[in-house]
Amino acid sequence: MFMSTAGAIDFQKLRIDGIYQQDKEGNLMLRVKVPAGVISGLQAKRVAAISERFSNGVLHLTSRGSIELHWVQWPDLPAVTSELTAVGLTSRGACGGAVRGISCSTGLSEGFGEVQVLARKLQRHFAGNPHFEGLPKKFKIAVEGSYEGSRHLIQDLGLVYLGTEDGQRWYDVWAAGGLGRQPTEAFKLAGRVAENRVIPIVEAVVRVYKTHTPKPKRLKHLVQKIGEQRFRELVEVEPAFGKTLEIATPLDGALTAKGERVVVPVFAGELAAADMNRLADLADEHAGGYLTLTADQDVALFVDGESGGDALRKALDEAGFGGPQVTFRVCPGNHECCMGLSATRDVTRQVVEALGAKGREAVWAISGCPNSCSQPQLGDYGIITSKLVSGDGGKKAPRFDLYRREGKAFGQAIRQGLSLEQLLAAVGEIG
């Protein structure tokens, strides 16, 4: 699968189209944007077919509800993007200096039906729009149906649904959060904002970010430099800020059913294309033709009716999908990422084996490097691969930091610089 033309490719220019260089040989990763994580059975089958034809037959589900294809080759990119476009999907802006896919993690909340509609409208407005590309770095937006999980704290802009009154939907707006090597909790930029003010405010913030932030810095770095008050002043003088933009519709635009949610666990977010096809068939039969990719890298199907969940669970059982497992968000690590310092899937299996009953009930996350893509600071327990050290014979070995989260703020490191053996002993003590 190696590419002899790797030296001739400008990998930096590929990023705006959602494509990263995966390794030195020139293998590529392509990320598909899925607003609110809601994807139709038809779209899911097309992505599975692309994976079987142009990748390794495996889909990686991310913690932001996107889908990554690994081991993609340079000559195949035009065909891959054409196939995605045919079913209304895009990878444009899924990497590089652009507005990323609009995520939503609160699929169990009462407001999920409402926020998934706004997520799609935001993606249509910002994705592929040249006014909002060429940003200093990535810009992440999430629309949350509630404050559950605190994921609004890690976004460049987090919109939290408060409810609907007199036909108007209302949101709190949080800004300048992020994880990575400098975890920063977002601050509340505006409270109780009408939905018709959301896109103008987002547009104003993105323009301030683009104008005032040096490359390759995130929005949190700008706010740290100039302060919250000056940042507010810059946003409020943007021409877009004071406008309203009616985005209401007389139709109920929710794609998922309003009934029970049935979750299909996916270990480490690695889903075989054949399994995605089977789930798409089950979605067509039991869940109105839509699947939801969760923030914990699982697949959820929403069913109507009192007996719909039972019928779906029976069908899942007959199709060979496993039962409950430890909730564990996992980035690709050095299996498929050039930034990875540890083999995250292998480490995860060993951690799960070492856990006692109490540990298995917790939400876990592991990151293969300090960039924290799997959001370890938002798990009950998180593991960050912090560095490599020289071991016997000069072989490099990873070291891990163990995090514990209590309350609604970020988790904090409780053990640092652990070898794999020390990490396994530490998690075994949880009970």
Protein backbone atom coordinates (compact mmCIF):
# COMPACT_ATOMS: atom_id res chain seq x y z
CA MET A 1 0.00 0.00 0.00
CA PHE A 2 3.04 2.27 0.01
CA MET A 3 3.29 5.18 -2.41
CA SER A 4 6.38 5.81 -4.48
CA THR A 5 5.19 9.37 -5.25
CA ALA A 6 5.06 10.52 -1.62
CA GLY A 7 7.88 13.00 -2.07
CA ALA A 8 5.94 14.86 -4.80
CA ILE A 9 2.79 15.49 -2.72
CA ASP A 10 2.15 18.74 -0.85
CA PHE A 11 0.52 17.21 2.21
CA GLN A 12 -0.16 20.60 3.81
CA LYS A 13 -2.41 21.61 0.92
CA LEU A 14 -4.35 18.35 1.25
CA ARG A 15 -5.45 19.14 4.78
CA ILE A 16 -8.18 21.58 3.80
CA ASP A 17 -9.87 18.66 2.02
CA GLY A 18 -9.83 16.59 5.20
CA ILE A 19 -6.74 14.56 4.34
CA TYR A 20 -3.69 13.96 6.53
CA GLN A 21 -0.41 12.28 5.81
CA GLN A 22 -0.56 9.08 7.83
CA ASP A 23 3.08 7.98 7.64
CA LYS A 24 6.40 8.65 5.93
CA GLU A 25 5.52 6.30 3.07
CA GLY A 26 2.71 8.63 2.02
CA ASN A 27 -0.32 6.63 3.12
CA LEU A 28 -3.22 8.97 3.85
CA MET A 29 -6.09 9.39 6.29
CA LEU A 30 -9.33 10.96 5.06
CA ARG A 31 -11.92 12.26 7.54
CA VAL A 32 -15.61 12.49 6.62
CA LYS A 33 -17.70 15.21 8.31
CA VAL A 34 -21.03 14.00 9.73
CA PRO A 35 -22.99 16.87 11.35
CA ALA A 36 -24.31 15.87 14.81
CA GLY A 37 -23.05 12.36 14.01
CA VAL A 38 -26.32 11.52 12.22
CA ILE A 39 -25.82 9.55 9.00
CA SER A 40 -28.33 7.83 6.75
CA GLY A 41 -28.18 4.14 5.98
CA LEU A 42 -27.48 4.99 2.32
CA GLN A 43 -24.57 7.23 3.28
CA ALA A 44 -23.20 4.66 5.74
CA LYS A 45 -23.23 1.98 3.07
CA ARG A 46 -21.43 4.26 0.63
CA VAL A 47 -18.67 5.02 3.16
CA ALA A 48 -18.37 1.29 3.87
CA ALA A 49 -18.05 0.58 0.14
CA ILE A 50 -15.36 3.28 -0.19
CA SER A 51 -13.47 1.71 2.70
CA GLU A 52 -13.59 -1.74 1.13
CA ARG A 53 -12.45 -0.45 -2.26
CA PHE A 54 -9.93 2.25 -1.36
CA SER A 55 -8.95 1.67 2.29
CA ASN A 56 -8.50 -1.35 4.56
CA GLY A 57 -12.17 -2.23 5.04
CA VAL A 58 -12.32 -0.59 8.48
CA LEU A 59 -13.99 2.66 9.55
CA HIS A 60 -12.62 4.61 12.50
CA LEU A 61 -15.40 6.42 14.38
CA THR A 62 -14.06 9.53 16.11
CA SER A 63 -15.07 11.18 19.38
CA ARG A 64 -16.62 14.05 17.36
CA GLY A 65 -18.96 11.84 15.35
CA SER A 66 -16.84 11.82 12.19
CA ILE A 67 -15.53 8.83 10.20
CA GLU A 68 -11.88 8.32 9.30
CA LEU A 69 -10.60 6.13 6.46
CA HIS A 70 -6.96 5.06 6.79
CA TRP A 71 -4.42 3.73 4.28
CA VAL A 72 -5.96 5.74 1.42
CA GLN A 73 -3.73 6.27 -1.63
CA TRP A 74 -3.04 9.51 -3.49
CA PRO A 75 -4.27 8.31 -6.94
CA ASP A 76 -7.61 7.25 -5.44
CA LEU A 77 -8.54 10.59 -3.86
CA PRO A 78 -10.61 11.96 -6.79
CA ALA A 79 -12.71 8.79 -6.87
CA VAL A 80 -13.16 8.79 -3.08
CA THR A 81 -14.31 12.42 -2.94
CA SER A 82 -16.63 11.85 -5.92
CA GLU A 83 -18.22 8.87 -4.17
CA LEU A 84 -18.76 10.92 -1.00
CA THR A 85 -20.27 13.83 -2.91
CA ALA A 86 -22.76 11.48 -4.60
CA VAL A 87 -24.44 10.84 -1.23
CA GLY A 88 -24.18 14.36 0.19
CA LEU A 89 -21.06 13.86 2.31
CA THR A 90 -17.86 15.90 2.38
CA SER A 91 -14.39 15.83 3.89
CA ARG A 92 -13.78 19.50 3.05
CA GLY A 93 -12.52 21.30 6.15
CA ALA A 94 -12.35 18.14 8.26
CA CYS A 95 -8.63 18.88 8.71
CA GLY A 96 -6.56 22.04 8.31
CA GLY A 97 -7.51 25.66 8.97
CA ALA A 98 -11.29 25.49 8.67
CA VAL A 99 -14.48 24.95 10.64
CA ARG A 100 -14.52 21.25 11.49
CA GLY A 101 -17.52 18.94 11.47
CA ILE A 102 -20.29 20.20 13.79
CA SER A 103 -20.45 17.70 16.63
CA CYS A 104 -23.09 16.80 19.20
CA SER A 105 -22.46 14.36 22.04
CA THR A 106 -25.75 14.60 23.96
CA GLY A 107 -27.78 12.08 22.00
CA LEU A 108 -29.76 11.01 25.05
CA SER A 109 -30.90 14.54 25.91
CA GLU A 110 -34.38 15.89 25.32
CA GLY A 111 -32.95 18.48 22.97
CA PHE A 112 -31.13 16.17 20.56
CA GLY A 113 -33.85 16.45 17.92
CA GLU A 114 -33.54 20.24 17.91
CA VAL A 115 -29.77 20.53 18.00
CA GLN A 116 -29.11 18.08 15.17
CA VAL A 117 -31.10 20.40 12.90
CA LEU A 118 -28.99 23.41 13.91
CA ALA A 119 -25.79 21.35 13.44
CA ARG A 120 -26.69 20.67 9.81
CA LYS A 121 -27.51 24.33 9.19
CA LEU A 122 -24.17 25.39 10.67
CA GLN A 123 -22.32 22.88 8.50
CA ARG A 124 -24.09 24.13 5.36
CA HIS A 125 -23.16 27.73 6.23
CA PHE A 126 -19.51 27.20 7.15
CA ALA A 127 -18.27 24.03 5.41
CA GLY A 128 -16.51 24.79 2.15
CA ASN A 129 -17.25 28.52 2.42
CA PRO A 130 -14.02 30.32 1.41
CA HIS A 131 -14.79 33.16 3.85
CA PHE A 132 -14.26 30.68 6.68
CA GLU A 133 -11.26 28.77 5.34
CA GLY A 134 -7.61 29.72 5.60
CA LEU A 135 -7.97 29.97 9.38
CA PRO A 136 -4.88 29.96 11.62
CA LYS A 137 -5.76 26.42 12.71
CA LYS A 138 -8.80 24.18 13.18
CA PHE A 139 -12.00 25.67 14.59
CA LYS A 140 -14.33 23.29 16.44
CA ILE A 141 -18.04 23.88 17.02
CA ALA A 142 -20.38 21.67 19.03
CA VAL A 143 -24.14 21.96 19.48
CA GLU A 144 -25.20 20.19 22.67
CA GLY A 145 -28.70 19.22 23.74
CA SER A 146 -27.79 19.71 27.41
CA TYR A 147 -24.86 20.36 29.73
CA GLU A 148 -24.41 16.61 30.28
CA GLY A 149 -20.80 15.55 29.79
CA SER A 150 -19.39 19.11 29.78
CA ARG A 151 -18.18 18.87 26.18
CA HIS A 152 -19.05 22.52 25.64
CA LEU A 153 -15.89 23.25 27.66
CA ILE A 154 -13.53 21.86 25.01
CA GLN A 155 -14.84 23.68 21.92
CA ASP A 156 -13.76 26.85 20.16
CA LEU A 157 -17.51 27.52 20.26
CA GLY A 158 -19.96 25.41 22.26
CA LEU A 159 -23.70 25.98 21.88
CA VAL A 160 -25.86 24.48 24.66
CA TYR A 161 -29.60 24.16 24.06
CA LEU A 162 -31.76 25.62 26.85
CA GLY A 163 -35.23 24.91 25.51
CA THR A 164 -37.94 26.39 23.31
CA GLU A 165 -40.31 29.20 24.27
CA ASP A 166 -42.90 30.89 22.02
CA GLY A 167 -41.51 29.06 19.03
CA GLN A 168 -37.94 30.30 19.58
CA ARG A 169 -35.03 28.05 20.56
CA TRP A 170 -32.49 29.39 23.04
CA TYR A 171 -28.80 28.65 23.57
CA ASP A 172 -25.88 29.49 25.84
CA VAL A 173 -22.70 30.26 23.86
CA TRP A 174 -19.29 29.21 25.23
CA ALA A 175 -15.97 30.16 23.64
CA ALA A 176 -12.23 29.48 23.54
CA GLY A 177 -12.04 26.01 25.04
CA GLY A 178 -9.71 23.23 23.99
CA LEU A 179 -7.63 20.30 25.14
CA GLY A 180 -4.25 19.36 23.68
CA ARG A 181 -1.03 20.23 25.45
CA GLN A 182 -2.64 23.29 27.09
CA PRO A 183 -6.12 22.25 28.30
CA THR A 184 -8.32 25.35 28.61
CA GLU A 185 -11.94 25.42 29.74
CA ALA A 186 -14.26 27.59 27.64
CA PHE A 187 -15.92 30.66 29.13
CA LYS A 188 -19.54 31.77 28.64
CA LEU A 189 -19.51 34.35 25.86
CA ALA A 190 -23.27 34.92 25.85
CA GLY A 191 -26.24 33.55 27.75
CA ARG A 192 -29.71 32.74 26.48
CA VAL A 193 -29.18 33.56 22.82
CA ALA A 194 -32.07 33.17 20.38
CA GLU A 195 -31.42 30.71 17.57
CA ASN A 196 -31.79 33.43 14.95
CA ARG A 197 -28.71 35.09 16.47
CA VAL A 198 -26.54 31.96 16.52
CA ILE A 199 -25.07 31.99 13.00
CA PRO A 200 -24.28 35.75 13.09
CA ILE A 201 -22.46 35.33 16.42
CA VAL A 202 -20.54 32.29 15.20
CA GLU A 203 -19.60 34.16 12.03
CA ALA A 204 -18.36 37.14 14.04
CA VAL A 205 -16.22 34.93 16.28
CA VAL A 206 -14.69 33.06 13.33
CA ARG A 207 -13.83 36.36 11.60
CA VAL A 208 -12.16 37.70 14.75
CA TYR A 209 -10.20 34.47 15.03
CA LYS A 210 -9.10 34.64 11.40
CA THR A 211 -8.09 38.31 11.59
CA HIS A 212 -6.32 38.48 14.96
CA THR A 213 -4.73 35.06 15.60
CA PRO A 214 -1.27 34.08 14.29
CA LYS A 215 -0.76 30.68 12.71
CA PRO A 216 -0.89 27.95 13.95
CA LYS A 217 -2.72 29.02 17.12
CA ARG A 218 -6.21 28.09 18.36
CA LEU A 219 -8.83 30.58 19.55
CA LYS A 220 -7.93 29.87 23.18
CA HIS A 221 -4.44 31.29 22.56
CA LEU A 222 -5.90 34.56 21.24
CA VAL A 223 -8.13 34.96 24.31
CA GLN A 224 -5.23 34.14 26.63
CA LYS A 225 -3.18 36.86 24.93
CA ILE A 226 -5.73 39.70 24.73
CA GLY A 227 -8.15 38.78 27.54
CA GLU A 228 -11.86 38.01 27.57
CA GLN A 229 -12.98 41.65 27.65
CA ARG A 230 -10.96 42.71 24.59
CA PHE A 231 -12.10 39.57 22.78
CA ARG A 232 -15.76 40.46 23.47
CA GLU A 233 -15.16 43.97 22.15
CA LEU A 234 -13.67 42.65 18.92
CA VAL A 235 -16.57 40.24 18.39
CA GLU A 236 -19.22 42.89 19.08
CA VAL A 237 -17.85 45.33 16.48
CA GLU A 238 -17.91 42.72 13.71
CA PRO A 239 -20.65 43.65 11.19
CA ALA A 240 -22.27 40.20 11.46
CA PHE A 241 -22.61 40.27 15.23
CA GLY A 242 -25.72 42.46 15.57
CA LYS A 243 -27.70 40.73 12.83
CA THR A 244 -30.42 38.12 13.00
CA LEU A 245 -30.77 35.26 10.55
CA GLU A 246 -34.01 33.34 10.56
CA ILE A 247 -33.26 29.66 10.10
CA ALA A 248 -36.59 28.29 11.28
CA THR A 249 -38.54 25.79 9.20
CA PRO A 250 -42.18 24.69 9.40
CA LEU A 251 -41.05 21.07 9.21
CA ASP A 252 -39.59 18.92 11.97
CA GLY A 253 -36.08 18.49 10.62
CA ALA A 254 -34.91 15.87 13.12
CA LEU A 255 -33.59 12.81 11.31
CA THR A 256 -33.60 10.41 14.24
CA ALA A 257 -36.73 9.11 15.93
CA LYS A 258 -37.74 10.58 19.29
CA GLY A 259 -38.03 7.19 21.00
CA GLU A 260 -35.61 4.82 22.68
CA ARG A 261 -31.92 4.86 21.85
CA VAL A 262 -30.20 1.49 21.43
CA VAL A 263 -26.39 1.66 21.56
CA VAL A 264 -24.19 -0.79 19.66
CA PRO A 265 -20.74 -0.90 21.33
CA VAL A 266 -17.77 -0.58 18.95
CA PHE A 267 -14.38 -1.42 20.45
CA ALA A 268 -11.93 1.49 20.03
CA GLY A 269 -14.21 2.99 17.39
CA GLU A 270 -12.97 0.41 14.85
CA LEU A 271 -15.94 -0.79 12.80
CA ALA A 272 -15.56 -3.23 9.92
CA ALA A 273 -17.19 -2.08 6.69
CA ALA A 274 -19.24 -5.29 6.61
CA ASP A 275 -20.58 -4.50 10.10
CA MET A 276 -21.48 -0.97 9.04
CA ASN A 277 -23.47 -2.45 6.16
CA ARG A 278 -25.34 -4.71 8.56
CA LEU A 279 -26.08 -1.82 10.91
CA ALA A 280 -27.33 0.29 8.00
CA ASP A 281 -29.74 -2.51 7.06
CA LEU A 282 -30.99 -2.66 10.66
CA ALA A 283 -31.39 1.12 10.69
CA ASP A 284 -33.52 0.91 7.55
CA GLU A 285 -35.67 -1.78 9.14
CA HIS A 286 -35.96 -0.52 12.72
CA ALA A 287 -34.75 3.08 13.04
CA GLY A 288 -36.14 5.14 10.19
CA GLY A 289 -33.02 4.70 8.07
CA TYR A 290 -30.60 6.69 10.24
CA LEU A 291 -27.66 5.87 12.53
CA THR A 292 -25.96 8.14 15.05
CA LEU A 293 -22.21 8.05 15.68
CA THR A 294 -21.73 8.79 19.37
CA ALA A 295 -19.03 10.74 21.17
CA ASP A 296 -17.94 7.46 22.78
CA GLN A 297 -17.25 6.04 19.29
CA ASP A 298 -20.24 3.70 19.31
CA VAL A 299 -23.28 3.54 17.00
CA ALA A 300 -26.76 4.39 18.26
CA LEU A 301 -30.10 3.64 16.64
CA PHE A 302 -33.26 5.52 17.68
CA VAL A 303 -36.51 3.57 17.51
CA ASP A 304 -40.17 4.56 17.84
CA GLY A 305 -42.74 2.63 19.82
CA GLU A 306 -42.68 0.69 23.08
CA SER A 307 -41.58 -2.61 21.52
CA GLY A 308 -39.22 -1.18 18.91
CA GLY A 309 -36.18 -1.39 21.14
CA ASP A 310 -36.80 -5.03 21.98
CA ALA A 311 -37.15 -5.94 18.32
CA LEU A 312 -33.96 -4.10 17.43
CA ARG A 313 -31.98 -5.69 20.26
CA LYS A 314 -33.15 -9.13 19.10
CA ALA A 315 -32.09 -8.33 15.55
CA LEU A 316 -28.69 -7.08 16.75
CA ASP A 317 -28.25 -10.28 18.71
CA GLU A 318 -29.06 -12.40 15.69
CA ALA A 319 -26.65 -10.33 13.56
CA GLY A 320 -23.80 -11.11 15.97
CA PHE A 321 -23.29 -7.72 17.58
CA GLY A 322 -21.91 -8.02 21.09
CA GLY A 323 -23.46 -6.84 24.32
CA PRO A 324 -22.26 -4.18 26.78
CA GLN A 325 -18.57 -3.44 27.13
CA VAL A 326 -16.43 -0.91 28.96
CA THR A 327 -17.01 2.60 27.58
CA PHE A 328 -13.54 3.49 26.32
CA ARG A 329 -12.73 6.23 23.82
CA VAL A 330 -9.58 5.37 21.87
CA CYS A 331 -7.59 7.34 19.31
CA PRO A 332 -5.72 5.36 16.58
CA GLY A 333 -2.36 5.85 18.36
CA ASN A 334 0.75 4.67 16.55
CA HIS A 335 -1.29 2.00 14.76
CA GLU A 336 -2.28 4.66 12.21
CA CYS A 337 -1.18 8.11 13.35
CA CYS A 338 2.28 9.62 12.88
CA MET A 339 1.82 11.52 16.17
CA GLY A 340 1.05 8.37 18.16
CA LEU A 341 3.48 7.33 20.90
CA SER A 342 1.70 4.14 21.97
CA ALA A 343 -0.32 1.28 20.50
CA THR A 344 -3.56 2.52 22.02
CA ARG A 345 -5.81 -0.40 21.07
CA ASP A 346 -3.38 -2.92 22.53
CA VAL A 347 -3.02 -0.87 25.71
CA THR A 348 -6.80 -0.54 25.98
CA ARG A 349 -7.29 -4.31 25.85
CA GLN A 350 -4.78 -4.76 28.66
CA VAL A 351 -6.36 -1.99 30.75
CA VAL A 352 -9.83 -3.51 30.37
CA GLU A 353 -8.45 -6.89 31.42
CA ALA A 354 -6.92 -5.32 34.54
CA LEU A 355 -10.10 -3.50 35.62
CA GLY A 356 -12.28 -4.60 38.48
CA ALA A 357 -16.07 -4.25 38.62
CA LYS A 358 -15.99 -0.58 39.68
CA GLY A 359 -13.53 0.35 36.96
CA ARG A 360 -15.65 -1.34 34.29
CA GLU A 361 -18.60 0.89 35.15
CA ALA A 362 -16.58 4.07 34.55
CA VAL A 363 -16.11 6.00 31.30
CA TRP A 364 -12.52 5.75 30.05
CA ALA A 365 -10.47 7.43 27.33
CA ILE A 366 -6.90 6.98 26.11
CA SER A 367 -4.86 9.28 23.90
CA GLY A 368 -1.77 8.09 22.07
CA CYS A 369 -0.09 11.49 22.47
CA PRO A 370 -0.60 14.71 24.49
CA ASN A 371 -2.97 16.12 21.83
CA SER A 372 -5.88 14.45 23.65
CA CYS A 373 -8.04 13.71 20.59
CA SER A 374 -10.05 11.12 22.55
CA GLN A 375 -10.86 13.69 25.26
CA PRO A 376 -9.26 11.87 28.24
CA GLN A 377 -9.84 14.90 30.51
CA LEU A 378 -13.61 14.34 30.13
CA GLY A 379 -13.67 10.67 31.06
CA ASP A 380 -14.19 9.40 34.59
CA TYR A 381 -10.64 8.17 34.03
CA GLY A 382 -8.30 9.22 31.26
CA ILE A 383 -4.92 8.02 30.04
CA ILE A 384 -2.51 10.22 28.09
CA THR A 385 0.63 8.87 26.48
CA SER A 386 2.92 11.67 27.56
CA LYS A 387 6.33 10.72 26.17
CA LEU A 388 8.76 8.03 25.02
CA VAL A 389 11.78 7.04 27.09
CA SER A 390 14.77 4.88 26.24
CA GLY A 391 14.59 1.40 27.66
CA ASP A 392 16.72 -1.71 27.48
CA GLY A 393 18.80 -1.87 24.34
CA GLY A 394 17.83 1.70 23.43
CA LYS A 395 14.27 0.69 22.53
CA LYS A 396 11.73 3.46 23.12
CA ALA A 397 8.92 2.77 25.58
CA PRO A 398 5.83 4.93 26.25
CA ARG A 399 5.04 6.60 29.55
CA PHE A 400 1.48 7.29 30.64
CA ASP A 401 -0.32 9.85 32.80
CA LEU A 402 -3.51 8.72 34.56
CA TYR A 403 -6.32 11.25 35.01
CA ARG A 404 -9.38 11.27 37.29
CA ARG A 405 -12.41 13.51 36.76
CA GLU A 406 -14.71 14.54 39.59
CA GLY A 407 -17.41 17.16 39.12
CA LYS A 408 -17.94 19.10 35.89
CA ALA A 409 -14.45 20.50 35.29
CA PHE A 410 -11.55 18.79 33.48
CA GLY A 411 -10.00 15.72 35.03
CA GLN A 412 -6.63 16.10 36.72
CA ALA A 413 -3.55 13.89 36.63
CA ILE A 414 -3.38 11.58 39.65
CA ARG A 415 -0.36 9.53 38.49
CA GLN A 416 2.30 10.56 35.98
CA GLY A 417 5.17 9.00 34.07
CA LEU A 418 3.89 5.43 34.47
CA SER A 419 5.28 2.49 32.56
CA LEU A 420 2.70 0.14 31.06
CA GLU A 421 3.15 -2.26 33.97
CA GLN A 422 2.69 0.56 36.49
CA LEU A 423 -0.39 1.80 34.61
CA LEU A 424 -2.01 -1.63 34.68
CA ALA A 425 -1.30 -1.91 38.41
CA ALA A 426 -2.80 1.53 39.01
CA VAL A 427 -6.04 0.85 37.14
CA GLY A 428 -6.33 -2.51 38.88
CA GLU A 429 -6.45 -0.68 42.21
CA ILE A 430 -9.63 1.16 41.20
CA GLY A 431 -11.67 -1.89 42.11
